[in-house]
Amino acid sequence: MARMNALPDIHDGFFDGLWREDKHVRLFLRTDTGLCSTVVLKDVERLNVSNFREGNIVFDVSLVEPGMLTAEHIETLYQCQPNDVLRC
């Protein structure tokens, strides 16, 4: 069963990096006041990180429980085009 804990307010904070090992991913985040947090993702099948540069500012983080995933979430993650057939 998935468990999600509340994140501190990281709007205007920083994405300091990530570490991926097998199907586990750790995202390292820091608030604008310097409070560090680590988001641990387990059983990750796909991860899309783009335009990442040192010191990137975080504008939005979305965490979705597995039971709440929609086709739109998956299409966005896989960067599907309207006529694409999703192959897993």
Protein backbone atom coordinates (compact mmCIF):
# COMPACT_ATOMS: atom_id res chain seq x y z
CA MET A 1 0.00 0.00 0.00
CA ALA A 2 1.33 3.43 -0.92
CA ARG A 3 1.92 5.94 1.83
CA MET A 4 2.27 9.63 1.15
CA ASN A 5 3.49 12.10 3.75
CA ALA A 6 3.06 15.83 3.44
CA LEU A 7 5.92 17.77 1.91
CA PRO A 8 7.01 21.12 3.26
CA ASP A 9 6.08 24.05 1.04
CA ILE A 10 8.76 23.86 -1.63
CA HIS A 11 7.29 26.42 -4.03
CA ASP A 12 10.23 28.62 -5.05
CA GLY A 13 12.52 26.05 -3.44
CA PHE A 14 15.18 24.04 -5.25
CA PHE A 15 15.48 20.64 -6.90
CA ASP A 16 19.02 19.66 -5.93
CA GLY A 17 19.14 16.30 -7.70
CA LEU A 18 18.01 12.73 -7.79
CA TRP A 19 19.42 9.29 -7.18
CA ARG A 20 18.00 6.23 -8.93
CA GLU A 21 18.77 2.67 -7.91
CA ASP A 22 16.77 -0.23 -9.35
CA LYS A 23 13.14 0.84 -9.03
CA HIS A 24 13.75 3.31 -6.20
CA VAL A 25 14.22 7.03 -6.79
CA ARG A 26 15.18 9.71 -4.28
CA LEU A 27 14.45 13.34 -5.13
CA PHE A 28 16.43 15.90 -3.15
CA LEU A 29 14.51 19.12 -2.53
CA ARG A 30 15.28 22.27 -0.56
CA THR A 31 12.94 25.07 0.49
CA ASP A 32 13.81 28.68 -0.20
CA THR A 33 14.79 28.93 3.49
CA GLY A 34 17.20 25.99 3.23
CA LEU A 35 15.11 23.15 4.77
CA CYS A 36 16.13 19.91 3.00
CA SER A 37 13.70 17.10 2.16
CA THR A 38 14.02 13.79 0.37
CA VAL A 39 11.12 12.28 -1.55
CA VAL A 40 11.48 8.49 -1.80
CA LEU A 41 9.64 6.81 -4.67
CA LYS A 42 9.38 3.01 -4.69
CA ASP A 43 8.58 0.60 -7.52
CA VAL A 44 9.12 3.31 -10.14
CA GLU A 45 8.43 2.10 -13.68
CA ARG A 46 9.02 5.42 -15.49
CA LEU A 47 10.51 8.74 -14.54
CA ASN A 48 10.56 11.80 -16.75
CA VAL A 49 12.95 14.56 -15.73
CA SER A 50 13.63 17.22 -18.32
CA ASN A 51 15.46 20.53 -18.50
CA PHE A 52 17.19 19.79 -15.21
CA ARG A 53 20.00 22.14 -14.29
CA GLU A 54 21.80 22.76 -11.04
CA GLY A 55 19.81 25.14 -8.86
CA ASN A 56 16.50 24.72 -10.70
CA ILE A 57 13.64 26.40 -8.89
CA VAL A 58 10.62 24.24 -8.04
CA PHE A 59 7.27 25.63 -9.13
CA ASP A 60 5.11 22.54 -8.66
CA VAL A 61 5.32 18.96 -7.36
CA SER A 62 2.48 16.53 -7.97
CA LEU A 63 2.22 13.24 -6.11
CA VAL A 64 -0.49 10.85 -7.28
CA GLU A 65 -1.59 7.71 -5.45
CA PRO A 66 -1.48 4.67 -7.77
CA GLY A 67 -5.26 4.22 -7.56
CA MET A 68 -5.79 7.81 -8.68
CA LEU A 69 -3.70 7.65 -11.87
CA THR A 70 -5.51 8.58 -15.06
CA ALA A 71 -4.79 7.97 -18.73
CA GLU A 72 -3.82 11.65 -18.97
CA HIS A 73 -1.11 11.20 -16.29
CA ILE A 74 0.34 8.27 -18.21
CA GLU A 75 0.16 10.05 -21.58
CA THR A 76 2.01 13.02 -20.10
CA LEU A 77 4.71 10.85 -18.53
CA TYR A 78 5.27 8.85 -21.72
CA GLN A 79 4.98 12.05 -23.82
CA CYS A 80 2.37 10.43 -26.05
CA GLN A 81 1.09 12.15 -29.15
CA PRO A 82 -2.64 11.99 -30.05
CA ASN A 83 -2.28 9.01 -32.43
CA ASP A 84 0.32 7.07 -30.41
CA VAL A 85 -0.40 3.56 -29.21
CA LEU A 86 0.95 3.10 -25.67
CA ARG A 87 3.18 0.03 -25.49
CA CYS A 88 4.43 -1.08 -22.10
